[in-house]
Amino acid sequence: ESTRWASAYSDNEWICVDLGSAKKLTGARLVWETSYGKAYKIQVSDDATHWTDAYNNANGVGGVEKLAFAAQGRYVRMLGVQRSNEYGYSLWEFEVYGN
């Protein structure tokens, strides 16, 4: 854990992964720092403009969250909907899995 992504201190912040081409996805793994998403979505896109929900979590608990879903896209993002505290969202790792 030598790198970390942190957002501004507001909701509706996001981080995106570009897979290079469209892939069939089976899930993701989020490793949160202390400031986690109490509510967040995993979204996919082919053009990084139009997004489709692949996973919706209204009860995030922080720590390590392993998510299972079926989706397809080139871009995958974690969209923070509600923060767990007054700070931003903070991730040590954002992993995306697929075939």
C-alpha atoms as a PDB file:
ATOM      1  CA  GLU A   1       0.000   0.000   0.000  1.00  0.00           C
ATOM      2  CA  SER A   2       2.354   2.671  -1.231  1.00  0.00           C
ATOM      3  CA  THR A   3      -0.094   4.586  -3.423  1.00  0.00           C
ATOM      4  CA  ARG A   4      -3.501   6.032  -2.676  1.00  0.00           C
ATOM      5  CA  TRP A   5      -6.244   7.797  -4.595  1.00  0.00           C
ATOM      6  CA  ALA A   6      -8.193  10.440  -2.696  1.00  0.00           C
ATOM      7  CA  SER A   7     -11.025  12.632  -3.912  1.00  0.00           C
ATOM      8  CA  ALA A   8     -12.100  16.161  -3.103  1.00  0.00           C
ATOM      9  CA  TYR A   9     -14.165  16.538   0.071  1.00  0.00           C
ATOM     10  CA  SER A  10     -17.499  16.127  -1.715  1.00  0.00           C
ATOM     11  CA  ASP A  11     -19.907  13.497  -2.972  1.00  0.00           C
ATOM     12  CA  ASN A  12     -20.192  12.425  -6.623  1.00  0.00           C
ATOM     13  CA  GLU A  13     -16.418  12.017  -6.957  1.00  0.00           C
ATOM     14  CA  TRP A  14     -15.060   9.153  -9.063  1.00  0.00           C
ATOM     15  CA  ILE A  15     -12.034   7.192 -10.210  1.00  0.00           C
ATOM     16  CA  CYS A  16     -11.938   5.451 -13.602  1.00  0.00           C
ATOM     17  CA  VAL A  17      -9.954   2.538 -15.036  1.00  0.00           C
ATOM     18  CA  ASP A  18      -9.357   2.246 -18.797  1.00  0.00           C
ATOM     19  CA  LEU A  19      -9.049  -1.422 -19.782  1.00  0.00           C
ATOM     20  CA  GLY A  20      -7.906  -0.539 -23.321  1.00  0.00           C
ATOM     21  CA  SER A  21     -10.791  -2.364 -25.019  1.00  0.00           C
ATOM     22  CA  ALA A  22     -14.219  -3.681 -24.051  1.00  0.00           C
ATOM     23  CA  LYS A  23     -14.042  -6.645 -21.685  1.00  0.00           C
ATOM     24  CA  LYS A  24     -16.550  -8.958 -20.031  1.00  0.00           C
ATOM     25  CA  LEU A  25     -16.400  -8.147 -16.325  1.00  0.00           C
ATOM     26  CA  THR A  26     -17.166 -10.351 -13.343  1.00  0.00           C
ATOM     27  CA  GLY A  27     -16.462  -8.079 -10.389  1.00  0.00           C
ATOM     28  CA  ALA A  28     -14.203  -5.678  -8.577  1.00  0.00           C
ATOM     29  CA  ARG A  29     -12.292  -5.311  -5.331  1.00  0.00           C
ATOM     30  CA  LEU A  30     -12.038  -2.062  -3.397  1.00  0.00           C
ATOM     31  CA  VAL A  31      -9.459  -1.576  -0.653  1.00  0.00           C
ATOM     32  CA  TRP A  32     -10.544   1.522   1.222  1.00  0.00           C
ATOM     33  CA  GLU A  33      -8.495   3.789   3.418  1.00  0.00           C
ATOM     34  CA  THR A  34     -10.275   5.285   6.474  1.00  0.00           C
ATOM     35  CA  SER A  35     -12.520   7.487   4.310  1.00  0.00           C
ATOM     36  CA  TYR A  36     -14.738   5.070   2.386  1.00  0.00           C
ATOM     37  CA  GLY A  37     -17.902   5.137   0.343  1.00  0.00           C
ATOM     38  CA  LYS A  38     -20.971   4.632   2.501  1.00  0.00           C
ATOM     39  CA  ALA A  39     -22.879   4.559  -0.793  1.00  0.00           C
ATOM     40  CA  TYR A  40     -21.258   4.095  -4.202  1.00  0.00           C
ATOM     41  CA  LYS A  41     -21.760   2.620  -7.654  1.00  0.00           C
ATOM     42  CA  ILE A  42     -19.534   0.696 -10.009  1.00  0.00           C
ATOM     43  CA  GLN A  43     -20.319   1.863 -13.527  1.00  0.00           C
ATOM     44  CA  VAL A  44     -19.159   0.759 -16.985  1.00  0.00           C
ATOM     45  CA  SER A  45     -18.884   2.552 -20.311  1.00  0.00           C
ATOM     46  CA  ASP A  46     -17.568   2.061 -23.827  1.00  0.00           C
ATOM     47  CA  ASP A  47     -16.856   5.774 -24.389  1.00  0.00           C
ATOM     48  CA  ALA A  48     -16.201   7.241 -20.882  1.00  0.00           C
ATOM     49  CA  THR A  49     -19.203   9.539 -21.398  1.00  0.00           C
ATOM     50  CA  HIS A  50     -22.321   7.364 -21.127  1.00  0.00           C
ATOM     51  CA  TRP A  51     -22.303   5.220 -17.971  1.00  0.00           C
ATOM     52  CA  THR A  52     -24.332   2.157 -16.958  1.00  0.00           C
ATOM     53  CA  ASP A  53     -24.633   0.910 -13.384  1.00  0.00           C
ATOM     54  CA  ALA A  54     -23.055  -2.520 -12.905  1.00  0.00           C
ATOM     55  CA  TYR A  55     -23.175  -2.544  -9.093  1.00  0.00           C
ATOM     56  CA  ASN A  56     -24.920  -0.343  -6.543  1.00  0.00           C
ATOM     57  CA  ASN A  57     -23.998  -0.408  -2.844  1.00  0.00           C
ATOM     58  CA  ALA A  58     -26.035   1.700  -0.407  1.00  0.00           C
ATOM     59  CA  ASN A  59     -24.397   0.120   2.673  1.00  0.00           C
ATOM     60  CA  GLY A  60     -20.629   0.283   2.188  1.00  0.00           C
ATOM     61  CA  VAL A  61     -18.601  -0.808   5.205  1.00  0.00           C
ATOM     62  CA  GLY A  62     -15.065   0.156   4.187  1.00  0.00           C
ATOM     63  CA  GLY A  63     -12.043  -2.084   4.535  1.00  0.00           C
ATOM     64  CA  VAL A  64     -11.824  -4.614   1.710  1.00  0.00           C
ATOM     65  CA  GLU A  65     -15.000  -5.013  -0.331  1.00  0.00           C
ATOM     66  CA  LYS A  66     -15.208  -7.788  -2.941  1.00  0.00           C
ATOM     67  CA  LEU A  67     -17.981  -7.181  -5.458  1.00  0.00           C
ATOM     68  CA  ALA A  68     -19.523  -9.644  -7.918  1.00  0.00           C
ATOM     69  CA  PHE A  69     -21.411  -8.463 -10.998  1.00  0.00           C
ATOM     70  CA  ALA A  70     -21.754  -9.184 -14.708  1.00  0.00           C
ATOM     71  CA  ALA A  71     -21.118  -6.319 -17.121  1.00  0.00           C
ATOM     72  CA  GLN A  72     -19.157  -5.342 -20.199  1.00  0.00           C
ATOM     73  CA  GLY A  73     -17.205  -2.208 -21.023  1.00  0.00           C
ATOM     74  CA  ARG A  74     -13.860  -0.586 -21.666  1.00  0.00           C
ATOM     75  CA  TYR A  75     -14.055   1.925 -18.812  1.00  0.00           C
ATOM     76  CA  VAL A  76     -14.941   1.067 -15.224  1.00  0.00           C
ATOM     77  CA  ARG A  77     -15.422   3.634 -12.495  1.00  0.00           C
ATOM     78  CA  MET A  78     -16.257   3.842  -8.835  1.00  0.00           C
ATOM     79  CA  LEU A  79     -18.703   6.717  -8.379  1.00  0.00           C
ATOM     80  CA  GLY A  80     -18.978   7.831  -4.775  1.00  0.00           C
ATOM     81  CA  VAL A  81     -22.574   8.724  -3.886  1.00  0.00           C
ATOM     82  CA  GLN A  82     -22.255   9.296  -0.116  1.00  0.00           C
ATOM     83  CA  ARG A  83     -19.078   9.624   1.968  1.00  0.00           C
ATOM     84  CA  SER A  84     -18.571   7.919   5.316  1.00  0.00           C
ATOM     85  CA  ASN A  85     -17.284  11.141   6.918  1.00  0.00           C
ATOM     86  CA  GLU A  86     -16.563  14.798   6.153  1.00  0.00           C
ATOM     87  CA  TYR A  87     -13.463  13.932   4.101  1.00  0.00           C
ATOM     88  CA  GLY A  88     -13.337  12.590   0.543  1.00  0.00           C
ATOM     89  CA  TYR A  89     -13.250   9.032  -0.752  1.00  0.00           C
ATOM     90  CA  SER A  90      -9.916   7.261  -0.372  1.00  0.00           C
ATOM     91  CA  LEU A  91      -8.771   4.004  -2.001  1.00  0.00           C
ATOM     92  CA  TRP A  92      -5.547   2.063  -1.667  1.00  0.00           C
ATOM     93  CA  GLU A  93      -6.592  -0.293  -4.483  1.00  0.00           C
ATOM     94  CA  PHE A  94      -9.299  -0.518  -7.158  1.00  0.00           C
ATOM     95  CA  GLU A  95      -9.131  -3.868  -8.959  1.00  0.00           C
ATOM     96  CA  VAL A  96     -11.380  -4.970 -11.812  1.00  0.00           C
ATOM     97  CA  TYR A  97     -11.884  -8.633 -12.757  1.00  0.00           C
ATOM     98  CA  GLY A  98     -13.139 -10.313 -15.909  1.00  0.00           C
ATOM     99  CA  ASN A  99     -12.632 -12.970 -18.526  1.00  0.00           C
END
